[in-house]
Amino acid sequence: MPAAAESLPDALAKAYQTNPALNAERARQRATDENVPQALAGYRPQIIASLSAGLQQVRNLLPDNTVQSASLKPWQIGVTVTQVLFNGFKTANSVRVAELQVSSGREALRNTGQGVLLDAVTAYTNVLANQSLVEAQRANVAFLRETQSITQKRLNAGDVTPTDTAQAEARLNRGLSDLNAAEVALAISQATYTQVIGNPPAQLQPAQTVDRFGPRNREDATQLAFNQHPAVMAAGFDVDVASTTIRVAESSLLPTITLQGSASKSRENDPTLGTRGTDQASVVGQLNQPIYDGGTAASQTRQAKELASQSRMVLEQVRNQARTAAISAWVANEGAKIAVSAAESEVRAATVALAGVQKEAAGGQRTTVDVLNSQQDLIQAKARLIGAQRDRVIASFTLLSSIGRLDVKTLNLNTPDYLPDVHYHQVRDAWHGLRTPSGQ
């Protein structure tokens, strides 16, 4: 039973679901989500329970020179609750940093998703192009075999010289070599397809461009890339992370206020043998104000400020790169349209030229090498058309990626969109539990 035809949207949906690189990035983002509950833990009390037990031999020499000895079995049980009331706004700023890291990670995940989808488009169109090229080279070999056979018959009839048959044989061997190279390229592209999509290519349908989703003009493309590309947005969140980290570092210079409550019960824990047991409870408030820590906090603050400056420079760099990529993608897409049109015209003209040369050769007005050259021109024109059609599809998807819109929602793929905020809300306010929301 023949395999069902697979379209480009089908392949993109499979890659979006199963690609290991994308799934690894999703796992990284879920790990980043855990930074938020870790930071929120600073608002919550810390509870510690303790239990100790043992054996103790006591021998006391009293003032009247009498000896008092005993074998004790001391044990103690207690619980301590510590609540931070103020720590220089460190917890609040740490929570803000964690939330910004989550936002930055989501944009990085979106950018990875764009890269995987673009890789899938490239893998798909490469297989299509190489399949077409193999078919064209096979047709070329069949033509050259026929030409060689006709030339041999004409040689036997005395119409041509051995030079003509040698030329036909040479072109046939060149065609066989070109066919072998095309088959090798097809096998490589099929392996790449399997790696990116997740299954070997079956019968592939022609790929369509996505110009309808792209920008209207070059200026629109650059503006969208500058403001909406996920790499730009991630870099913007990184600037906020670095700026907030300065306040986290500065919190080490501010006072810390804690409230600690404890309760304990102990027995046979007094080596003087004056007390058999002790029960106690306490509530203690504590204020700590750093005076001098050797310059650590000051250095960390200066370091955070330099990192914030670096992140702002990186943001500017990423914006420039996004702008350049958008312009390049726009120009390449427009150029690909012209290339396809020119290649189609070239193939039509080369086909007509070959038919004319064949007729003229049959009438003795053209030589065998003229026919072979005309056929070579046609196969080269077909190869350029196949490459131009492939580049045209890739260029349209590349342009969509350059403005940050190469995603499941825009392409309307038949697969659920991965929503990173679902996991975030599942773990954000979790006070306990070792299992992940997926049950691991």
Protein backbone atom coordinates (compact mmCIF):
# COMPACT_ATOMS: atom_id res chain seq x y z
CA MET A 1 0.00 0.00 0.00
CA PRO A 2 1.60 3.32 -1.05
CA ALA A 3 2.35 5.85 1.66
CA ALA A 4 -0.01 8.78 1.92
CA ALA A 5 1.22 12.06 0.49
CA GLU A 6 2.68 14.45 3.04
CA SER A 7 2.33 18.21 2.71
CA LEU A 8 4.66 20.87 4.03
CA PRO A 9 2.19 21.92 6.81
CA ASP A 10 2.00 18.26 7.89
CA ALA A 11 5.78 18.05 8.09
CA LEU A 12 6.00 21.31 10.03
CA ALA A 13 3.40 20.05 12.53
CA LYS A 14 5.41 16.85 13.10
CA ALA A 15 8.64 18.78 13.58
CA TYR A 16 6.92 21.11 16.04
CA GLN A 17 5.71 18.13 18.08
CA THR A 18 8.73 15.81 18.00
CA ASN A 19 11.92 17.75 17.23
CA PRO A 20 14.45 16.95 20.02
CA ALA A 21 16.07 20.38 19.97
CA LEU A 22 12.72 22.11 20.44
CA ASN A 23 11.59 19.70 23.16
CA ALA A 24 14.91 20.21 24.95
CA GLU A 25 14.34 23.97 24.87
CA ARG A 26 10.87 23.48 26.29
CA ALA A 27 12.35 21.46 29.16
CA ARG A 28 14.87 24.26 29.75
CA GLN A 29 12.04 26.75 29.93
CA ARG A 30 10.14 24.61 32.44
CA ALA A 31 13.30 24.54 34.57
CA THR A 32 13.52 28.33 34.30
CA ASP A 33 9.92 28.57 35.57
CA GLU A 34 11.10 27.02 38.84
CA ASN A 35 13.21 30.12 39.55
CA VAL A 36 10.00 31.95 40.48
CA PRO A 37 8.80 29.64 43.31
CA GLN A 38 12.40 29.51 44.55
CA ALA A 39 12.42 33.30 44.77
CA LEU A 40 8.95 33.40 46.32
CA ALA A 41 10.22 31.06 49.05
CA GLY A 42 11.87 34.13 50.57
CA TYR A 43 8.42 35.36 51.62
CA ARG A 44 7.57 32.09 53.37
CA PRO A 45 8.59 30.81 56.82
CA GLN A 46 11.38 28.31 57.23
CA ILE A 47 10.50 25.44 59.63
CA ILE A 48 13.13 23.11 61.05
CA ALA A 49 12.46 20.17 63.35
CA SER A 50 15.24 18.57 65.37
CA LEU A 51 15.59 15.35 67.39
CA SER A 52 18.60 14.10 69.28
CA ALA A 53 19.15 11.14 71.63
CA GLY A 54 22.11 9.31 73.13
CA LEU A 55 23.88 7.88 76.17
CA GLN A 56 25.92 9.92 78.65
CA GLN A 57 27.99 8.83 81.65
CA VAL A 58 28.38 11.56 84.33
CA ARG A 59 30.73 11.60 87.36
CA ASN A 60 30.62 14.83 89.41
CA LEU A 61 33.05 15.63 92.26
CA LEU A 62 31.17 17.73 94.82
CA PRO A 63 32.72 20.36 97.19
CA ASP A 64 32.57 17.93 100.13
CA ASN A 65 34.71 15.49 98.14
CA THR A 66 31.82 13.15 97.57
CA VAL A 67 31.31 11.70 94.14
CA GLN A 68 28.02 11.77 92.31
CA SER A 69 27.68 9.59 89.22
CA ALA A 70 24.86 8.64 86.91
CA SER A 71 24.14 7.10 83.53
CA LEU A 72 21.90 9.42 81.50
CA LYS A 73 19.89 8.87 78.38
CA PRO A 74 19.52 12.44 77.14
CA TRP A 75 17.10 13.30 74.34
CA GLN A 76 15.73 16.51 72.92
CA ILE A 77 13.01 17.36 70.43
CA GLY A 78 12.27 20.82 69.10
CA VAL A 79 10.90 22.91 66.27
CA THR A 80 12.05 26.31 65.04
CA VAL A 81 10.12 28.67 62.79
CA THR A 82 11.96 31.59 61.16
CA GLN A 83 10.22 34.34 59.22
CA VAL A 84 12.09 37.07 57.40
CA LEU A 85 10.22 40.34 57.83
CA PHE A 86 12.58 42.57 55.87
CA ASN A 87 15.76 41.86 53.90
CA GLY A 88 16.39 45.06 52.01
CA PHE A 89 13.77 44.19 49.34
CA LYS A 90 15.98 41.31 48.22
CA THR A 91 13.09 38.86 47.96
CA ALA A 92 10.87 41.23 45.99
CA ASN A 93 13.64 42.02 43.53
CA SER A 94 14.65 38.37 43.28
CA VAL A 95 11.08 37.47 42.35
CA ARG A 96 11.11 40.20 39.73
CA VAL A 97 14.39 38.88 38.31
CA ALA A 98 12.97 35.34 38.15
CA GLU A 99 9.82 36.52 36.37
CA LEU A 100 11.87 38.47 33.84
CA GLN A 101 14.05 35.41 33.25
CA VAL A 102 10.88 33.45 32.51
CA SER A 103 9.80 36.10 29.98
CA SER A 104 13.23 36.10 28.36
CA GLY A 105 13.22 32.30 28.24
CA ARG A 106 9.83 32.26 26.53
CA GLU A 107 11.16 34.50 23.77
CA ALA A 108 14.23 32.28 23.43
CA LEU A 109 11.89 29.28 23.15
CA ARG A 110 9.87 31.08 20.49
CA ASN A 111 13.06 31.83 18.58
CA THR A 112 14.11 28.19 18.78
CA GLY A 113 10.69 27.19 17.48
CA GLN A 114 11.16 29.51 14.52
CA GLY A 115 14.55 27.96 13.81
CA VAL A 116 13.17 24.42 13.94
CA LEU A 117 10.29 25.28 11.61
CA LEU A 118 12.68 26.97 9.18
CA ASP A 119 14.98 23.93 9.31
CA ALA A 120 11.95 21.76 8.56
CA VAL A 121 11.03 23.92 5.56
CA THR A 122 14.61 23.69 4.29
CA ALA A 123 14.73 19.91 4.77
CA TYR A 124 11.36 19.46 3.05
CA THR A 125 12.17 21.63 0.03
CA ASN A 126 15.65 20.10 -0.31
CA VAL A 127 14.12 16.64 -0.63
CA LEU A 128 11.60 17.93 -3.18
CA ALA A 129 14.30 19.72 -5.17
CA ASN A 130 16.68 16.77 -5.13
CA GLN A 131 13.90 14.39 -6.16
CA SER A 132 13.12 16.64 -9.13
CA LEU A 133 16.80 16.92 -9.95
CA VAL A 134 17.22 13.11 -9.93
CA GLU A 135 14.23 12.78 -12.25
CA ALA A 136 15.70 15.41 -14.57
CA GLN A 137 19.11 13.72 -14.58
CA ARG A 138 17.52 10.35 -15.31
CA ALA A 139 15.66 11.86 -18.26
CA ASN A 140 18.95 13.41 -19.36
CA VAL A 141 20.73 10.03 -19.19
CA ALA A 142 17.90 8.42 -21.19
CA PHE A 143 18.23 11.15 -23.85
CA LEU A 144 22.01 10.73 -23.99
CA ARG A 145 21.69 6.95 -24.33
CA GLU A 146 19.31 7.42 -27.21
CA THR A 147 21.62 9.99 -28.80
CA GLN A 148 24.57 7.62 -28.46
CA SER A 149 22.55 4.79 -30.03
CA ILE A 150 21.49 6.98 -32.96
CA THR A 151 25.05 8.21 -33.44
CA GLN A 152 26.37 4.63 -33.48
CA LYS A 153 23.82 3.68 -36.14
CA ARG A 154 24.79 6.71 -38.21
CA LEU A 155 28.45 5.76 -37.82
CA ASN A 156 27.68 2.26 -39.10
CA ALA A 157 25.87 3.88 -42.03
CA GLY A 158 28.83 6.16 -42.71
CA ASP A 159 26.96 9.40 -41.97
CA VAL A 160 29.18 10.48 -39.04
CA THR A 161 32.75 9.96 -37.87
CA PRO A 162 34.05 8.10 -34.78
CA THR A 163 34.54 11.53 -33.21
CA ASP A 164 30.78 11.96 -32.99
CA THR A 165 30.31 8.65 -31.19
CA ALA A 166 33.15 9.50 -28.79
CA GLN A 167 31.49 12.84 -28.00
CA ALA A 168 28.15 11.13 -27.39
CA GLU A 169 29.79 8.53 -25.12
CA ALA A 170 31.63 11.24 -23.16
CA ARG A 171 28.42 13.18 -22.57
CA LEU A 172 26.63 10.01 -21.50
CA ASN A 173 29.30 9.31 -18.88
CA ARG A 174 29.08 12.90 -17.68
CA GLY A 175 25.32 12.47 -17.38
CA LEU A 176 25.78 9.27 -15.38
CA SER A 177 28.15 11.10 -13.06
CA ASP A 178 25.67 13.96 -12.63
CA LEU A 179 22.90 11.45 -11.92
CA ASN A 180 25.03 9.77 -9.25
CA ALA A 181 25.76 13.15 -7.62
CA ALA A 182 22.04 13.98 -7.63
CA GLU A 183 21.19 10.62 -6.03
CA VAL A 184 23.82 11.15 -3.33
CA ALA A 185 22.43 14.64 -2.59
CA LEU A 186 18.92 13.17 -2.40
CA ALA A 187 20.00 10.49 0.09
CA ILE A 188 21.67 13.13 2.27
CA SER A 189 18.62 15.40 2.16
CA GLN A 190 16.37 12.45 3.06
CA ALA A 191 18.53 11.70 6.11
CA THR A 192 18.38 15.36 7.15
CA TYR A 193 14.61 15.30 6.70
CA THR A 194 14.34 12.31 9.04
CA GLN A 195 16.47 14.09 11.63
CA VAL A 196 14.46 17.31 11.57
CA ILE A 197 10.91 16.04 10.92
CA GLY A 198 11.11 12.78 12.84
CA ASN A 199 10.24 10.28 10.08
CA PRO A 200 11.59 9.44 6.61
CA PRO A 201 10.07 11.39 3.71
CA ALA A 202 7.23 9.68 1.89
CA GLN A 203 5.47 11.14 -1.12
CA LEU A 204 5.85 14.90 -0.72
CA GLN A 205 3.44 17.43 -2.12
CA PRO A 206 4.70 20.64 -3.76
CA ALA A 207 5.56 23.33 -1.22
CA GLN A 208 3.79 26.69 -1.26
CA THR A 209 5.15 30.09 -0.26
CA VAL A 210 3.82 32.09 2.69
CA ASP A 211 3.92 35.57 1.18
CA ARG A 212 0.36 36.21 2.38
CA PHE A 213 1.61 36.24 5.97
CA GLY A 214 4.68 38.38 5.32
CA PRO A 215 5.29 42.13 5.55
CA ARG A 216 3.85 44.50 2.96
CA ASN A 217 7.11 46.25 2.15
CA ARG A 218 10.73 46.53 3.17
CA GLU A 219 10.12 49.25 5.73
CA ASP A 220 7.37 47.18 7.35
CA ALA A 221 9.73 44.21 7.55
CA THR A 222 12.49 46.16 9.28
CA GLN A 223 10.08 47.77 11.74
CA LEU A 224 8.51 44.44 12.70
CA ALA A 225 11.90 42.80 13.10
CA PHE A 226 13.17 45.67 15.24
CA ASN A 227 10.20 45.48 17.61
CA GLN A 228 8.79 41.94 17.49
CA HIS A 229 11.56 39.48 16.71
CA PRO A 230 11.90 37.06 19.66
CA ALA A 231 15.67 37.54 19.84
CA VAL A 232 15.14 41.29 20.26
CA MET A 233 12.43 40.84 22.86
CA ALA A 234 14.54 38.31 24.78
CA ALA A 235 17.45 40.74 24.81
CA GLY A 236 15.09 43.46 26.10
CA PHE A 237 14.02 41.24 29.00
CA ASP A 238 17.69 40.48 29.68
CA VAL A 239 18.28 44.21 30.11
CA ASP A 240 15.49 44.31 32.71
CA VAL A 241 16.98 41.25 34.44
CA ALA A 242 20.39 42.90 34.66
CA SER A 243 18.94 46.21 35.90
CA THR A 244 16.91 44.49 38.62
CA THR A 245 19.92 42.42 39.64
CA ILE A 246 21.60 45.69 40.68
CA ARG A 247 18.91 46.18 43.33
CA VAL A 248 19.36 42.59 44.48
CA ALA A 249 23.06 43.25 45.01
CA GLU A 250 22.35 46.52 46.83
CA SER A 251 20.03 44.74 49.27
CA SER A 252 23.08 43.21 50.96
CA LEU A 253 23.88 46.70 52.31
CA LEU A 254 20.45 47.14 53.95
CA PRO A 255 19.26 45.78 57.33
CA THR A 256 17.61 42.40 57.78
CA ILE A 257 14.79 41.82 60.25
CA THR A 258 13.76 38.29 61.23
CA LEU A 259 11.32 36.80 63.70
CA GLN A 260 12.10 33.39 65.13
CA GLY A 261 9.89 31.20 67.27
CA SER A 262 11.02 27.93 68.83
CA ALA A 263 9.77 25.26 71.19
CA SER A 264 11.71 22.31 72.61
CA LYS A 265 11.45 19.49 75.13
CA SER A 266 14.51 17.81 76.66
CA ARG A 267 15.07 15.09 79.27
CA GLU A 268 18.20 14.04 81.20
CA ASN A 269 20.15 16.67 79.37
CA ASP A 270 21.78 18.34 82.44
CA PRO A 271 25.23 16.91 83.30
CA THR A 272 25.07 18.61 86.74
CA LEU A 273 22.13 16.32 87.53
CA GLY A 274 20.29 19.33 88.91
CA THR A 275 17.45 19.18 86.35
CA ARG A 276 15.70 16.13 85.03
CA GLY A 277 13.94 17.84 82.15
CA THR A 278 13.37 21.19 80.47
CA ASP A 279 10.46 22.51 78.38
CA GLN A 280 10.93 25.88 76.77
CA ALA A 281 9.47 28.16 74.12
CA SER A 282 10.63 31.49 72.79
CA VAL A 283 9.87 34.22 70.27
CA VAL A 284 12.85 36.37 69.26
CA GLY A 285 13.06 39.30 66.91
CA GLN A 286 16.42 40.14 65.39
CA LEU A 287 17.78 43.12 63.46
CA ASN A 288 21.08 42.85 61.60
CA GLN A 289 22.69 45.85 59.92
CA PRO A 290 25.81 45.17 57.83
CA ILE A 291 28.62 47.59 58.67
CA TYR A 292 31.50 46.29 56.61
CA ASP A 293 31.83 43.01 54.73
CA GLY A 294 35.26 43.52 53.23
CA GLY A 295 33.81 45.18 50.11
CA THR A 296 31.96 42.14 48.76
CA ALA A 297 28.53 43.79 48.42
CA ALA A 298 30.02 46.94 46.88
CA SER A 299 31.93 44.87 44.33
CA GLN A 300 28.84 42.83 43.49
CA THR A 301 26.86 46.04 42.95
CA ARG A 302 29.50 47.47 40.63
CA GLN A 303 29.67 44.17 38.79
CA ALA A 304 25.88 44.15 38.32
CA LYS A 305 25.98 47.66 36.90
CA GLU A 306 28.63 46.67 34.35
CA LEU A 307 26.59 43.62 33.36
CA ALA A 308 23.56 45.87 32.91
CA SER A 309 25.61 48.09 30.60
CA GLN A 310 26.69 45.02 28.66
CA SER A 311 23.10 43.80 28.29
CA ARG A 312 22.03 47.17 26.87
CA MET A 313 24.83 46.98 24.31
CA VAL A 314 23.82 43.43 23.44
CA LEU A 315 20.24 44.61 22.93
CA GLU A 316 21.42 47.25 20.47
CA GLN A 317 23.53 44.66 18.67
CA VAL A 318 20.63 42.21 18.44
CA ARG A 319 18.35 44.93 17.11
CA ASN A 320 20.87 45.80 14.41
CA GLN A 321 21.23 42.14 13.51
CA ALA A 322 17.46 41.72 13.33
CA ARG A 323 17.15 44.79 11.10
CA THR A 324 19.91 43.53 8.80
CA ALA A 325 18.40 40.03 8.67
CA ALA A 326 14.98 41.46 7.78
CA ILE A 327 16.41 43.58 4.95
CA SER A 328 18.42 40.61 3.67
CA ALA A 329 15.37 38.35 3.83
CA TRP A 330 13.21 40.89 2.02
CA VAL A 331 15.77 41.40 -0.76
CA ALA A 332 16.38 37.65 -1.07
CA ASN A 333 12.65 36.96 -1.32
CA GLU A 334 12.19 39.57 -4.04
CA GLY A 335 15.25 38.27 -5.86
CA ALA A 336 13.94 34.70 -5.64
CA LYS A 337 10.75 35.75 -7.44
CA ILE A 338 12.79 37.16 -10.33
CA ALA A 339 15.05 34.10 -10.38
CA VAL A 340 12.09 31.73 -10.73
CA SER A 341 10.59 33.77 -13.55
CA ALA A 342 13.92 33.95 -15.38
CA ALA A 343 14.58 30.23 -14.92
CA GLU A 344 11.14 29.33 -16.26
CA SER A 345 11.76 31.44 -19.36
CA GLU A 346 15.19 29.86 -19.77
CA VAL A 347 13.75 26.33 -19.63
CA ARG A 348 11.08 27.18 -22.20
CA ALA A 349 13.65 28.70 -24.55
CA ALA A 350 16.13 25.84 -24.06
CA THR A 351 13.39 23.29 -24.80
CA VAL A 352 12.49 25.04 -28.06
CA ALA A 353 16.18 25.39 -28.95
CA LEU A 354 16.84 21.67 -28.42
CA ALA A 355 13.90 20.67 -30.59
CA GLY A 356 15.15 22.98 -33.35
CA VAL A 357 18.73 21.71 -33.15
CA GLN A 358 17.51 18.11 -33.34
CA LYS A 359 15.55 18.84 -36.52
CA GLU A 360 18.49 20.66 -38.05
CA ALA A 361 20.82 17.80 -37.11
CA ALA A 362 18.48 15.31 -38.79
CA GLY A 363 18.72 17.44 -41.95
CA GLY A 364 22.49 17.53 -41.79
CA GLN A 365 22.69 21.20 -40.79
CA ARG A 366 23.89 20.52 -37.21
CA THR A 367 26.45 18.19 -35.75
CA THR A 368 26.10 15.71 -32.93
CA VAL A 369 27.99 17.99 -30.56
CA ASP A 370 25.45 20.75 -31.28
CA VAL A 371 22.66 18.46 -30.10
CA LEU A 372 24.66 17.45 -27.03
CA ASN A 373 25.42 21.08 -26.14
CA SER A 374 21.78 22.05 -26.54
CA GLN A 375 20.72 19.16 -24.28
CA GLN A 376 23.35 20.21 -21.72
CA ASP A 377 21.97 23.77 -21.79
CA LEU A 378 18.47 22.41 -21.16
CA ILE A 379 19.43 20.19 -18.20
CA GLN A 380 21.39 23.04 -16.64
CA ALA A 381 18.39 25.35 -17.10
CA LYS A 382 16.13 22.77 -15.44
CA ALA A 383 18.56 22.44 -12.52
CA ARG A 384 18.58 26.22 -12.08
CA LEU A 385 14.77 26.29 -12.15
CA ILE A 386 14.55 23.53 -9.55
CA GLY A 387 17.01 25.41 -7.32
CA ALA A 388 15.18 28.71 -7.84
CA GLN A 389 11.83 27.16 -6.91
CA ARG A 390 13.35 25.71 -3.75
CA ASP A 391 15.01 29.02 -2.86
CA ARG A 392 11.74 30.84 -3.48
CA VAL A 393 9.88 28.81 -0.82
CA ILE A 394 12.73 29.00 1.69
CA ALA A 395 13.09 32.75 1.15
CA SER A 396 9.41 33.38 1.91
CA PHE A 397 9.63 31.41 5.16
CA THR A 398 12.93 33.09 6.04
CA LEU A 399 11.28 36.49 5.62
CA LEU A 400 8.44 35.42 7.90
CA SER A 401 10.99 34.23 10.46
CA SER A 402 12.93 37.51 10.28
CA ILE A 403 9.89 39.44 11.57
CA GLY A 404 9.13 36.90 14.31
CA ARG A 405 5.97 35.41 12.81
CA LEU A 406 7.08 31.91 11.84
CA ASP A 407 4.92 30.05 14.36
CA VAL A 408 2.08 27.58 14.64
CA LYS A 409 -0.58 30.24 15.04
CA THR A 410 0.41 32.28 11.98
CA LEU A 411 0.81 29.21 9.76
CA ASN A 412 -2.41 27.67 11.16
CA LEU A 413 -0.75 24.28 11.53
CA ASN A 414 -2.83 21.30 12.55
CA THR A 415 -1.17 20.84 15.94
CA PRO A 416 -1.75 22.27 19.42
CA ASP A 417 0.40 25.28 20.20
CA TYR A 418 2.81 24.73 23.10
CA LEU A 419 1.81 27.20 25.82
CA PRO A 420 4.69 27.76 28.27
CA ASP A 421 2.53 29.78 30.66
CA VAL A 422 0.54 26.63 31.54
CA HIS A 423 3.50 25.05 33.33
CA TYR A 424 4.46 28.41 34.83
CA HIS A 425 1.11 28.78 36.60
CA GLN A 426 1.22 25.13 37.71
CA VAL A 427 4.45 25.64 39.66
CA ARG A 428 4.49 29.35 40.53
CA ASP A 429 2.64 29.06 43.85
CA ALA A 430 3.58 25.47 44.70
CA TRP A 431 4.64 25.31 48.35
CA HIS A 432 5.71 21.67 48.25
CA GLY A 433 5.82 18.53 46.07
CA LEU A 434 8.73 16.77 44.38
CA ARG A 435 6.89 15.62 41.24
CA THR A 436 6.73 17.78 38.17
CA PRO A 437 3.28 18.61 36.74
CA SER A 438 3.90 15.90 34.12
CA GLY A 439 4.34 13.30 36.88
CA GLN A 440 8.10 12.82 36.79
